[in-house]
C-alpha atoms as a PDB file:
ATOM      1  CA  MET A   1      -0.001  -0.002  -0.011  1.00  0.00           C
ATOM      2  CA  LYS A   2       1.545   3.264  -1.175  1.00  0.00           C
ATOM      3  CA  LEU A   3      -0.335   6.320   0.005  1.00  0.00           C
ATOM      4  CA  ALA A   4      -1.239   9.796  -1.179  1.00  0.00           C
ATOM      5  CA  VAL A   5      -2.786  11.925   1.556  1.00  0.00           C
ATOM      6  CA  ILE A   6      -5.386  14.549   0.744  1.00  0.00           C
ATOM      7  CA  GLY A   7      -5.692  17.245   3.403  1.00  0.00           C
ATOM      8  CA  THR A   8      -3.339  19.036   5.751  1.00  0.00           C
ATOM      9  CA  GLY A   9      -5.459  19.576   8.864  1.00  0.00           C
ATOM     10  CA  LYS A  10      -5.129  18.299  12.406  1.00  0.00           C
ATOM     11  CA  ILE A  11      -6.219  14.718  11.684  1.00  0.00           C
ATOM     12  CA  ALA A  12      -3.746  14.458   8.767  1.00  0.00           C
ATOM     13  CA  HIS A  13      -0.822  15.576  10.871  1.00  0.00           C
ATOM     14  CA  GLN A  14      -1.792  13.356  13.768  1.00  0.00           C
ATOM     15  CA  VAL A  15      -2.340  10.152  11.843  1.00  0.00           C
ATOM     16  CA  VAL A  16       0.460  10.651   9.345  1.00  0.00           C
ATOM     17  CA  SER A  17       3.000  11.087  12.139  1.00  0.00           C
ATOM     18  CA  TYR A  18       1.991   7.659  13.450  1.00  0.00           C
ATOM     19  CA  LEU A  19       2.044   6.056   9.990  1.00  0.00           C
ATOM     20  CA  VAL A  20       5.529   7.390   9.303  1.00  0.00           C
ATOM     21  CA  ALA A  21       6.768   5.939  12.588  1.00  0.00           C
ATOM     22  CA  TRP A  22       5.200   2.595  11.682  1.00  0.00           C
ATOM     23  CA  GLY A  23       6.974   2.489   8.322  1.00  0.00           C
ATOM     24  CA  TYR A  24       4.133   3.138   5.862  1.00  0.00           C
ATOM     25  CA  GLU A  25       5.165   4.406   2.434  1.00  0.00           C
ATOM     26  CA  PHE A  26       3.972   7.766   1.073  1.00  0.00           C
ATOM     27  CA  ALA A  27       4.181   9.273  -2.396  1.00  0.00           C
ATOM     28  CA  ALA A  28       2.308  12.562  -2.090  1.00  0.00           C
ATOM     29  CA  VAL A  29       0.345  15.023   0.045  1.00  0.00           C
ATOM     30  CA  VAL A  30      -2.340  17.048  -1.693  1.00  0.00           C
ATOM     31  CA  SER A  31      -3.707  20.417  -0.601  1.00  0.00           C
ATOM     32  CA  THR A  32      -5.430  23.424  -2.083  1.00  0.00           C
ATOM     33  CA  PRO A  33      -3.201  26.234  -3.397  1.00  0.00           C
ATOM     34  CA  ARG A  34      -4.117  28.254  -0.278  1.00  0.00           C
ATOM     35  CA  SER A  35      -2.703  25.600   2.085  1.00  0.00           C
ATOM     36  CA  PHE A  36       0.260  24.553  -0.009  1.00  0.00           C
ATOM     37  CA  ASP A  37       2.761  25.710   2.625  1.00  0.00           C
ATOM     38  CA  ALA A  38       1.137  23.282   5.063  1.00  0.00           C
ATOM     39  CA  ALA A  39       1.359  20.555   2.443  1.00  0.00           C
ATOM     40  CA  GLN A  40       5.059  21.144   1.985  1.00  0.00           C
ATOM     41  CA  GLU A  41       5.557  20.927   5.757  1.00  0.00           C
ATOM     42  CA  LEU A  42       3.661  17.655   5.948  1.00  0.00           C
ATOM     43  CA  ALA A  43       5.484  16.303   2.909  1.00  0.00           C
ATOM     44  CA  GLN A  44       8.783  16.716   4.740  1.00  0.00           C
ATOM     45  CA  LEU A  45       7.483  14.506   7.538  1.00  0.00           C
ATOM     46  CA  MET A  46       6.264  11.964   4.972  1.00  0.00           C
ATOM     47  CA  ARG A  47       9.453  12.153   2.922  1.00  0.00           C
ATOM     48  CA  SER A  48       7.313  12.670  -0.164  1.00  0.00           C
ATOM     49  CA  ALA A  49       6.196  15.430  -2.555  1.00  0.00           C
ATOM     50  CA  ALA A  50       3.581  18.167  -2.055  1.00  0.00           C
ATOM     51  CA  TYR A  51       0.969  19.038  -4.685  1.00  0.00           C
ATOM     52  CA  SER A  52      -1.633  21.790  -4.822  1.00  0.00           C
ATOM     53  CA  SER A  53      -4.162  19.683  -6.740  1.00  0.00           C
ATOM     54  CA  PHE A  54      -5.084  16.019  -7.043  1.00  0.00           C
ATOM     55  CA  LYS A  55      -4.646  16.261 -10.818  1.00  0.00           C
ATOM     56  CA  ASP A  56      -1.011  17.299 -10.318  1.00  0.00           C
ATOM     57  CA  ALA A  57      -0.458  14.455  -7.851  1.00  0.00           C
ATOM     58  CA  LEU A  58      -1.780  11.926 -10.342  1.00  0.00           C
ATOM     59  CA  ALA A  59       0.607  13.265 -12.973  1.00  0.00           C
ATOM     60  CA  GLY A  60       3.653  13.546 -10.731  1.00  0.00           C
ATOM     61  CA  ALA A  61       3.536  10.672  -8.222  1.00  0.00           C
ATOM     62  CA  GLU A  62       2.955   6.918  -8.154  1.00  0.00           C
ATOM     63  CA  PHE A  63       0.560   5.575  -5.519  1.00  0.00           C
ATOM     64  CA  ASP A  64      -2.220   3.013  -5.285  1.00  0.00           C
ATOM     65  CA  THR A  65      -4.256   4.290  -2.322  1.00  0.00           C
ATOM     66  CA  VAL A  66      -5.627   7.718  -1.386  1.00  0.00           C
ATOM     67  CA  TYR A  67      -6.210   8.667   2.263  1.00  0.00           C
ATOM     68  CA  ILE A  68      -8.786  11.491   2.523  1.00  0.00           C
ATOM     69  CA  THR A  69      -8.643  13.664   5.678  1.00  0.00           C
ATOM     70  CA  THR A  70     -10.548  16.760   4.502  1.00  0.00           C
ATOM     71  CA  PRO A  71     -13.853  18.225   5.881  1.00  0.00           C
ATOM     72  CA  ASN A  72     -16.953  16.027   5.781  1.00  0.00           C
ATOM     73  CA  ASN A  73     -18.665  17.771   2.882  1.00  0.00           C
ATOM     74  CA  THR A  74     -15.699  17.151   0.549  1.00  0.00           C
ATOM     75  CA  HIS A  75     -15.394  13.395   1.145  1.00  0.00           C
ATOM     76  CA  PHE A  76     -17.751  12.295  -1.650  1.00  0.00           C
ATOM     77  CA  SER A  77     -16.251  14.340  -4.479  1.00  0.00           C
ATOM     78  CA  LEU A  78     -12.646  13.552  -3.534  1.00  0.00           C
ATOM     79  CA  ALA A  79     -13.320   9.849  -3.082  1.00  0.00           C
ATOM     80  CA  GLN A  80     -15.153   9.729  -6.380  1.00  0.00           C
ATOM     81  CA  ALA A  81     -12.233  11.440  -8.137  1.00  0.00           C
ATOM     82  CA  ALA A  82      -9.790   8.933  -6.624  1.00  0.00           C
ATOM     83  CA  LEU A  83     -11.889   5.956  -7.661  1.00  0.00           C
ATOM     84  CA  GLU A  84     -12.245   7.389 -11.184  1.00  0.00           C
ATOM     85  CA  ALA A  85      -8.438   7.491 -11.290  1.00  0.00           C
ATOM     86  CA  ASP A  86      -8.361   3.771 -10.325  1.00  0.00           C
ATOM     87  CA  LYS A  87      -7.042   4.402  -6.814  1.00  0.00           C
ATOM     88  CA  ASN A  88      -8.132   2.608  -3.669  1.00  0.00           C
ATOM     89  CA  VAL A  89      -9.688   4.919  -1.082  1.00  0.00           C
ATOM     90  CA  ILE A  90      -9.429   5.240   2.700  1.00  0.00           C
ATOM     91  CA  VAL A  91     -11.677   8.104   3.812  1.00  0.00           C
ATOM     92  CA  GLU A  92     -11.919   9.508   7.311  1.00  0.00           C
ATOM     93  CA  LYS A  93     -15.302   9.191   8.933  1.00  0.00           C
ATOM     94  CA  PRO A  94     -18.006   9.957   7.992  1.00  0.00           C
ATOM     95  CA  MET A  95     -17.600   8.348   4.596  1.00  0.00           C
ATOM     96  CA  THR A  96     -19.946  10.905   3.046  1.00  0.00           C
ATOM     97  CA  SER A  97     -22.527  13.523   4.037  1.00  0.00           C
ATOM     98  CA  ASN A  98     -25.509  11.190   3.507  1.00  0.00           C
ATOM     99  CA  PHE A  99     -26.521   7.692   2.543  1.00  0.00           C
ATOM    100  CA  ALA A 100     -27.199   8.493  -1.122  1.00  0.00           C
ATOM    101  CA  GLU A 101     -23.598   9.608  -1.562  1.00  0.00           C
ATOM    102  CA  ALA A 102     -22.268   6.582   0.338  1.00  0.00           C
ATOM    103  CA  GLN A 103     -24.255   4.186  -1.819  1.00  0.00           C
ATOM    104  CA  LYS A 104     -22.993   5.826  -5.015  1.00  0.00           C
ATOM    105  CA  LEU A 105     -19.373   5.515  -3.863  1.00  0.00           C
ATOM    106  CA  ALA A 106     -19.843   1.905  -2.819  1.00  0.00           C
ATOM    107  CA  ASP A 107     -21.461   0.954  -6.139  1.00  0.00           C
ATOM    108  CA  PHE A 108     -18.668   2.691  -8.054  1.00  0.00           C
ATOM    109  CA  ALA A 109     -15.890   1.032  -6.048  1.00  0.00           C
ATOM    110  CA  ARG A 110     -17.487  -2.389  -6.505  1.00  0.00           C
ATOM    111  CA  ALA A 111     -17.894  -1.845 -10.268  1.00  0.00           C
ATOM    112  CA  LYS A 112     -14.199  -0.923 -10.559  1.00  0.00           C
ATOM    113  CA  ASN A 113     -13.056  -3.686  -8.178  1.00  0.00           C
ATOM    114  CA  LEU A 114     -11.350  -1.156  -5.919  1.00  0.00           C
ATOM    115  CA  PHE A 115     -11.014  -0.918  -2.150  1.00  0.00           C
ATOM    116  CA  LEU A 116     -13.146   1.635  -0.321  1.00  0.00           C
ATOM    117  CA  TYR A 117     -12.664   1.873   3.434  1.00  0.00           C
ATOM    118  CA  GLU A 118     -14.118   4.273   6.000  1.00  0.00           C
ATOM    119  CA  ALA A 119     -11.481   4.980   8.657  1.00  0.00           C
ATOM    120  CA  THR A 120     -13.634   4.486  11.751  1.00  0.00           C
ATOM    121  CA  THR A 121     -11.300   3.199  14.466  1.00  0.00           C
ATOM    122  CA  THR A 122     -14.075   1.441  16.410  1.00  0.00           C
ATOM    123  CA  LEU A 123     -14.464  -1.449  13.999  1.00  0.00           C
ATOM    124  CA  TYR A 124     -10.846  -2.533  14.053  1.00  0.00           C
ATOM    125  CA  GLN A 125      -9.935  -2.581  17.745  1.00  0.00           C
ATOM    126  CA  PRO A 126      -9.032  -6.016  19.187  1.00  0.00           C
ATOM    127  CA  ASN A 127     -11.204  -5.244  22.220  1.00  0.00           C
ATOM    128  CA  TYR A 128     -14.181  -4.681  19.916  1.00  0.00           C
ATOM    129  CA  GLN A 129     -13.598  -8.023  18.205  1.00  0.00           C
ATOM    130  CA  ALA A 130     -13.393  -9.706  21.619  1.00  0.00           C
ATOM    131  CA  ILE A 131     -16.727  -8.140  22.576  1.00  0.00           C
ATOM    132  CA  ARG A 132     -18.294  -9.533  19.426  1.00  0.00           C
ATOM    133  CA  GLU A 133     -17.073 -12.992  20.345  1.00  0.00           C
ATOM    134  CA  ALA A 134     -18.377 -12.621  23.906  1.00  0.00           C
ATOM    135  CA  LEU A 135     -21.946 -11.719  22.886  1.00  0.00           C
ATOM    136  CA  PRO A 136     -23.361 -15.300  22.955  1.00  0.00           C
ATOM    137  CA  GLN A 137     -22.422 -15.554  26.658  1.00  0.00           C
ATOM    138  CA  LEU A 138     -24.840 -12.742  27.493  1.00  0.00           C
ATOM    139  CA  GLY A 139     -27.898 -14.671  26.338  1.00  0.00           C
ATOM    140  CA  ALA A 140     -30.790 -12.767  24.775  1.00  0.00           C
ATOM    141  CA  ILE A 141     -29.828  -9.090  24.450  1.00  0.00           C
ATOM    142  CA  ARG A 142     -32.327  -6.648  25.988  1.00  0.00           C
ATOM    143  CA  LEU A 143     -30.635  -3.224  26.240  1.00  0.00           C
ATOM    144  CA  VAL A 144     -27.625  -1.606  24.573  1.00  0.00           C
ATOM    145  CA  SER A 145     -26.174   1.872  25.064  1.00  0.00           C
ATOM    146  CA  SER A 146     -23.124   3.724  23.821  1.00  0.00           C
ATOM    147  CA  GLU A 147     -22.110   7.275  24.720  1.00  0.00           C
ATOM    148  CA  TYR A 148     -19.537   9.699  23.361  1.00  0.00           C
ATOM    149  CA  SER A 149     -19.851  13.171  24.887  1.00  0.00           C
ATOM    150  CA  GLN A 150     -16.969  15.615  24.697  1.00  0.00           C
ATOM    151  CA  TYR A 151     -17.079  19.386  25.122  1.00  0.00           C
ATOM    152  CA  SER A 152     -15.808  20.710  21.815  1.00  0.00           C
ATOM    153  CA  SER A 153     -12.839  23.050  21.692  1.00  0.00           C
ATOM    154  CA  ARG A 154     -14.841  25.002  19.096  1.00  0.00           C
ATOM    155  CA  TYR A 155     -18.109  25.183  21.010  1.00  0.00           C
ATOM    156  CA  ASP A 156     -17.302  28.470  22.801  1.00  0.00           C
ATOM    157  CA  ALA A 157     -16.603  30.117  19.440  1.00  0.00           C
ATOM    158  CA  PHE A 158     -19.892  28.752  18.119  1.00  0.00           C
ATOM    159  CA  CYS A 159     -21.754  30.143  21.138  1.00  0.00           C
ATOM    160  CA  ALA A 160     -20.061  33.495  20.531  1.00  0.00           C
ATOM    161  CA  GLY A 161     -21.628  33.655  17.086  1.00  0.00           C
ATOM    162  CA  GLN A 162     -18.753  32.379  15.015  1.00  0.00           C
ATOM    163  CA  ASN A 163     -19.117  29.587  12.456  1.00  0.00           C
ATOM    164  CA  PRO A 164     -16.513  26.882  13.092  1.00  0.00           C
ATOM    165  CA  ARG A 165     -16.741  24.179  10.439  1.00  0.00           C
ATOM    166  CA  ALA A 166     -17.598  21.503  13.006  1.00  0.00           C
ATOM    167  CA  PHE A 167     -20.886  23.300  13.671  1.00  0.00           C
ATOM    168  CA  THR A 168     -21.950  24.342  10.164  1.00  0.00           C
ATOM    169  CA  LEU A 169     -24.519  22.733   7.862  1.00  0.00           C
ATOM    170  CA  GLY A 170     -22.439  23.564   4.782  1.00  0.00           C
ATOM    171  CA  ALA A 171     -19.564  21.439   6.052  1.00  0.00           C
ATOM    172  CA  SER A 172     -21.916  18.569   7.002  1.00  0.00           C
ATOM    173  CA  GLY A 173     -21.067  19.111  10.666  1.00  0.00           C
ATOM    174  CA  GLY A 174     -22.821  18.654  13.969  1.00  0.00           C
ATOM    175  CA  SER A 175     -22.502  16.327  16.907  1.00  0.00           C
ATOM    176  CA  LEU A 176     -23.998  13.245  15.275  1.00  0.00           C
ATOM    177  CA  MET A 177     -21.752  13.369  12.223  1.00  0.00           C
ATOM    178  CA  ASP A 178     -18.660  13.835  14.348  1.00  0.00           C
ATOM    179  CA  ILE A 179     -18.560  11.858  17.593  1.00  0.00           C
ATOM    180  CA  GLY A 180     -22.089  10.489  17.465  1.00  0.00           C
ATOM    181  CA  LEU A 181     -20.947   8.372  14.532  1.00  0.00           C
ATOM    182  CA  TYR A 182     -18.706   6.371  16.850  1.00  0.00           C
ATOM    183  CA  ALA A 183     -21.550   5.483  19.205  1.00  0.00           C
ATOM    184  CA  VAL A 184     -23.783   4.482  16.286  1.00  0.00           C
ATOM    185  CA  THR A 185     -20.977   2.457  14.706  1.00  0.00           C
ATOM    186  CA  TRP A 186     -20.286   0.676  17.990  1.00  0.00           C
ATOM    187  CA  ILE A 187     -23.895  -0.570  18.001  1.00  0.00           C
ATOM    188  CA  VAL A 188     -24.435  -1.206  14.280  1.00  0.00           C
ATOM    189  CA  GLY A 189     -21.064  -2.972  13.928  1.00  0.00           C
ATOM    190  CA  LEU A 190     -22.210  -5.554  16.497  1.00  0.00           C
ATOM    191  CA  PHE A 191     -25.903  -5.881  15.731  1.00  0.00           C
ATOM    192  CA  GLY A 192     -26.428  -4.720  12.169  1.00  0.00           C
ATOM    193  CA  LYS A 193     -28.986  -2.352  10.715  1.00  0.00           C
ATOM    194  CA  PRO A 194     -31.902  -1.603  13.081  1.00  0.00           C
ATOM    195  CA  GLN A 195     -35.572  -1.866  12.136  1.00  0.00           C
ATOM    196  CA  ARG A 196     -36.278   1.756  12.993  1.00  0.00           C
ATOM    197  CA  VAL A 197     -34.290   4.871  13.904  1.00  0.00           C
ATOM    198  CA  ARG A 198     -35.432   7.892  15.914  1.00  0.00           C
ATOM    199  CA  ARG A 199     -33.486  10.879  17.209  1.00  0.00           C
ATOM    200  CA  ALA A 200     -34.064  13.710  19.643  1.00  0.00           C
ATOM    201  CA  ALA A 201     -31.434  16.478  19.596  1.00  0.00           C
ATOM    202  CA  THR A 202     -30.475  19.848  21.004  1.00  0.00           C
ATOM    203  CA  ILE A 203     -30.594  22.152  17.977  1.00  0.00           C
ATOM    204  CA  GLN A 204     -28.745  25.450  18.048  1.00  0.00           C
ATOM    205  CA  ARG A 205     -28.655  27.726  15.011  1.00  0.00           C
ATOM    206  CA  GLY A 206     -30.001  24.893  12.880  1.00  0.00           C
ATOM    207  CA  ILE A 207     -27.447  22.212  13.812  1.00  0.00           C
ATOM    208  CA  ASP A 208     -27.313  19.529  16.471  1.00  0.00           C
ATOM    209  CA  THR A 209     -24.888  20.099  19.346  1.00  0.00           C
ATOM    210  CA  SER A 210     -25.990  16.956  21.254  1.00  0.00           C
ATOM    211  CA  GLY A 211     -28.597  14.249  20.937  1.00  0.00           C
ATOM    212  CA  ILE A 212     -29.924  10.784  21.596  1.00  0.00           C
ATOM    213  CA  THR A 213     -30.439   8.272  18.772  1.00  0.00           C
ATOM    214  CA  THR A 214     -32.691   5.268  19.417  1.00  0.00           C
ATOM    215  CA  LEU A 215     -32.172   2.108  17.351  1.00  0.00           C
ATOM    216  CA  ASP A 216     -35.086  -0.357  17.458  1.00  0.00           C
ATOM    217  CA  TYR A 217     -33.992  -3.973  16.882  1.00  0.00           C
ATOM    218  CA  GLY A 218     -37.361  -5.517  17.671  1.00  0.00           C
ATOM    219  CA  ASP A 219     -36.187  -7.905  20.394  1.00  0.00           C
ATOM    220  CA  PHE A 220     -34.160  -5.190  22.104  1.00  0.00           C
ATOM    221  CA  GLN A 221     -33.576  -1.456  22.115  1.00  0.00           C
ATOM    222  CA  ALA A 222     -30.320   0.426  21.704  1.00  0.00           C
ATOM    223  CA  VAL A 223     -29.468   4.045  22.345  1.00  0.00           C
ATOM    224  CA  ALA A 224     -26.523   6.128  21.123  1.00  0.00           C
ATOM    225  CA  LEU A 225     -25.769   9.333  23.014  1.00  0.00           C
ATOM    226  CA  ASP A 226     -23.523  12.075  21.689  1.00  0.00           C
ATOM    227  CA  ALA A 227     -22.639  15.634  22.699  1.00  0.00           C
ATOM    228  CA  LYS A 228     -20.235  18.384  21.718  1.00  0.00           C
ATOM    229  CA  ASP A 229     -21.795  20.856  24.177  1.00  0.00           C
ATOM    230  CA  CYS A 230     -21.043  18.925  27.391  1.00  0.00           C
ATOM    231  CA  ASP A 231     -18.873  16.136  28.777  1.00  0.00           C
ATOM    232  CA  GLY A 232     -20.062  12.687  29.774  1.00  0.00           C
ATOM    233  CA  PRO A 233     -18.949   9.343  31.224  1.00  0.00           C
ATOM    234  CA  ASN A 234     -18.283   7.824  27.774  1.00  0.00           C
ATOM    235  CA  ARG A 235     -18.924   4.134  28.046  1.00  0.00           C
ATOM    236  CA  SER A 236     -20.859   1.399  26.238  1.00  0.00           C
ATOM    237  CA  VAL A 237     -23.010  -1.299  27.855  1.00  0.00           C
ATOM    238  CA  ILE A 238     -24.671  -4.449  26.562  1.00  0.00           C
ATOM    239  CA  GLU A 239     -27.279  -6.003  28.872  1.00  0.00           C
ATOM    240  CA  GLY A 240     -28.432  -9.573  28.316  1.00  0.00           C
ATOM    241  CA  GLU A 241     -30.484 -12.123  30.237  1.00  0.00           C
ATOM    242  CA  LYS A 242     -27.336 -13.900  31.460  1.00  0.00           C
ATOM    243  CA  GLY A 243     -25.252 -10.865  32.357  1.00  0.00           C
ATOM    244  CA  TYR A 244     -23.832  -7.630  31.013  1.00  0.00           C
ATOM    245  CA  LEU A 245     -20.711  -6.145  29.484  1.00  0.00           C
ATOM    246  CA  VAL A 246     -19.284  -2.690  30.066  1.00  0.00           C
ATOM    247  CA  GLN A 247     -16.691  -0.937  27.920  1.00  0.00           C
ATOM    248  CA  HIS A 248     -15.177   1.803  30.028  1.00  0.00           C
ATOM    249  CA  THR A 249     -14.049   4.253  27.339  1.00  0.00           C
ATOM    250  CA  ALA A 250     -15.405   6.234  24.415  1.00  0.00           C
ATOM    251  CA  PRO A 251     -16.584   3.981  21.564  1.00  0.00           C
ATOM    252  CA  GLY A 252     -13.936   5.331  19.179  1.00  0.00           C
ATOM    253  CA  VAL A 253     -11.165   4.052  21.434  1.00  0.00           C
ATOM    254  CA  CYS A 254     -12.822   0.804  22.583  1.00  0.00           C
ATOM    255  CA  GLY A 255     -10.582   0.455  25.604  1.00  0.00           C
ATOM    256  CA  ARG A 256     -10.831  -1.902  28.566  1.00  0.00           C
ATOM    257  CA  ALA A 257     -14.063  -3.854  28.967  1.00  0.00           C
ATOM    258  CA  THR A 258     -15.523  -5.980  31.735  1.00  0.00           C
ATOM    259  CA  LEU A 259     -17.769  -9.016  31.234  1.00  0.00           C
ATOM    260  CA  LEU A 260     -20.048  -9.772  34.204  1.00  0.00           C
ATOM    261  CA  LEU A 261     -22.032 -12.998  33.952  1.00  0.00           C
ATOM    262  CA  ARG A 262     -24.470 -14.057  36.641  1.00  0.00           C
ATOM    263  CA  GLY A 263     -22.794 -16.442  39.078  1.00  0.00           C
ATOM    264  CA  LYS A 264     -19.332 -16.111  37.538  1.00  0.00           C
ATOM    265  CA  ALA A 265     -16.229 -14.064  38.259  1.00  0.00           C
ATOM    266  CA  GLU A 266     -15.661 -10.837  36.339  1.00  0.00           C
ATOM    267  CA  GLU A 267     -13.628 -11.175  33.170  1.00  0.00           C
ATOM    268  CA  GLU A 268     -11.452  -8.311  31.912  1.00  0.00           C
ATOM    269  CA  ILE A 269     -10.936  -7.658  28.196  1.00  0.00           C
ATOM    270  CA  ASP A 270      -7.957  -5.478  27.359  1.00  0.00           C
ATOM    271  CA  LEU A 271      -6.218  -6.443  24.102  1.00  0.00           C
ATOM    272  CA  ASN A 272      -5.700  -3.136  22.273  1.00  0.00           C
ATOM    273  CA  PRO A 273      -2.343  -1.773  21.192  1.00  0.00           C
ATOM    274  CA  ALA A 274      -1.379   1.533  22.801  1.00  0.00           C
ATOM    275  CA  ASN A 275      -2.371   3.578  19.745  1.00  0.00           C
ATOM    276  CA  HIS A 276      -5.974   3.195  18.621  1.00  0.00           C
ATOM    277  CA  TYR A 277      -5.163   4.080  14.976  1.00  0.00           C
ATOM    278  CA  GLN A 278      -2.779   1.154  14.606  1.00  0.00           C
ATOM    279  CA  ALA A 279      -5.213  -1.722  14.142  1.00  0.00           C
ATOM    280  CA  GLU A 280      -7.284  -0.095  11.404  1.00  0.00           C
ATOM    281  CA  PHE A 281      -4.317   0.784   9.191  1.00  0.00           C
ATOM    282  CA  GLU A 282      -2.838  -2.659   9.684  1.00  0.00           C
ATOM    283  CA  ALA A 283      -6.162  -4.080   8.482  1.00  0.00           C
ATOM    284  CA  PHE A 284      -6.285  -1.714   5.487  1.00  0.00           C
ATOM    285  CA  ALA A 285      -2.731  -2.481   4.414  1.00  0.00           C
ATOM    286  CA  ARG A 286      -3.147  -6.237   4.891  1.00  0.00           C
ATOM    287  CA  ALA A 287      -6.319  -6.349   2.795  1.00  0.00           C
ATOM    288  CA  ILE A 288      -5.001  -4.106   0.024  1.00  0.00           C
ATOM    289  CA  ASP A 289      -1.598  -5.820  -0.150  1.00  0.00           C
ATOM    290  CA  THR A 290      -3.161  -9.302  -0.307  1.00  0.00           C
ATOM    291  CA  GLY A 291      -6.165  -8.371  -2.435  1.00  0.00           C
ATOM    292  CA  ASN A 292      -8.624  -9.411   0.272  1.00  0.00           C
ATOM    293  CA  ARG A 293     -11.758  -7.758  -1.123  1.00  0.00           C
ATOM    294  CA  LYS A 294     -14.044  -9.897   1.030  1.00  0.00           C
ATOM    295  CA  HIS A 295     -12.793  -8.087   4.129  1.00  0.00           C
ATOM    296  CA  CYS A 296     -13.367  -4.729   2.489  1.00  0.00           C
ATOM    297  CA  ALA A 297     -16.869  -5.766   1.397  1.00  0.00           C
ATOM    298  CA  ARG A 298     -17.856  -6.731   4.956  1.00  0.00           C
ATOM    299  CA  GLN A 299     -16.587  -3.481   6.393  1.00  0.00           C
ATOM    300  CA  LEU A 300     -18.220  -1.460   3.624  1.00  0.00           C
ATOM    301  CA  GLU A 301     -21.603  -2.965   4.425  1.00  0.00           C
ATOM    302  CA  ILE A 302     -21.251  -1.793   8.011  1.00  0.00           C
ATOM    303  CA  SER A 303     -20.293   1.710   6.836  1.00  0.00           C
ATOM    304  CA  LEU A 304     -23.334   1.807   4.561  1.00  0.00           C
ATOM    305  CA  ALA A 305     -25.629   0.711   7.401  1.00  0.00           C
ATOM    306  CA  VAL A 306     -24.122   3.405   9.682  1.00  0.00           C
ATOM    307  CA  SER A 307     -24.576   6.021   6.948  1.00  0.00           C
ATOM    308  CA  GLN A 308     -28.237   5.057   6.606  1.00  0.00           C
ATOM    309  CA  VAL A 309     -28.779   5.363  10.372  1.00  0.00           C
ATOM    310  CA  LEU A 310     -27.022   8.769  10.499  1.00  0.00           C
ATOM    311  CA  THR A 311     -29.091  10.068   7.598  1.00  0.00           C
ATOM    312  CA  ASP A 312     -32.390   8.816   9.029  1.00  0.00           C
ATOM    313  CA  ALA A 313     -31.512  10.207  12.469  1.00  0.00           C
ATOM    314  CA  ARG A 314     -30.604  13.658  11.120  1.00  0.00           C
ATOM    315  CA  TYR A 315     -33.797  13.875   9.078  1.00  0.00           C
ATOM    316  CA  ASP A 316     -35.813  12.943  12.160  1.00  0.00           C
ATOM    317  CA  THR A 317     -34.552  16.115  13.867  1.00  0.00           C
ATOM    318  CA  GLY A 318     -34.882  18.313  10.785  1.00  0.00           C
ATOM    319  CA  VAL A 319     -31.148  18.757  10.349  1.00  0.00           C
ATOM    320  CA  CYS A 320     -30.522  18.878   6.591  1.00  0.00           C
ATOM    321  CA  PHE A 321     -27.300  19.666   4.779  1.00  0.00           C
ATOM    322  CA  PRO A 322     -27.192  21.570   1.450  1.00  0.00           C
ATOM    323  CA  VAL A 323     -26.100  18.363  -0.278  1.00  0.00           C
ATOM    324  CA  ASP A 324     -29.253  16.595   0.928  1.00  0.00           C
ATOM    325  CA  LYS A 325     -31.281  18.869  -1.364  1.00  0.00           C
ATOM    326  CA  ALA A 326     -29.062  18.397  -4.394  1.00  0.00           C
END
């Protein structure tokens, strides 16, 4: 897997610094002309070349996979351009602004026999896989909850009347599309697409700053809580007829978990590497390098199900992005 990175923001710098340390190979970093200085700085870290357009990167560098780290509302167009150029795509969450876009990308990637991955750390953590394997021990599932609440560093500016991208409709922002996605993914990745989705949210200036999404699975109910306007305990719980399981961290990290079965001693689950980005990129590289498209197909189905839930939940609260009306 040889990477070109699109974007020069905080997430690009953070993840790329890890990938460089882990020995991943880079060919290019792509920015807009306005942020080309930042691209050159990042390119030095990556020991690669900087380009001010994707077209120039395609002409000047050799790579097989594009890693997209730009704002939410740009994910679809950039991923589509990469797929049209016959490049595999890893796109930061959310994959797209809505389900219609996600479905189009998935269909296009499948038709071209290319890899399309959403970089949602939750799905790749060893602790998360261990939880999946532990589910049968809990018996019939009755209640599930997952919470990710974190006071945003941009919320004060938003309250002061400014328009940080994380809280704007034009950038496909809001609490659900940012950290709420992790809570929804934690649930959908384990239990699949729900029968019905409802959401109640705190709406400020037309966008959600916190909310509660209910996922109806028929035999049990699940709830995903998210907030960028307050802090919370950040944990996930699965309650079954034979016991319950608690994960003690935010659903994006999937840290230590405890399995408590009736009449048995507590069992601790703590298998993750120190860095929660490591497992997902190892999975991406392994699949792309070996041509394991079945793995990609399974993960893509989860991303599509999550995208559908996010879209249905947003619409239930009246939060619509400009692209939704296109």
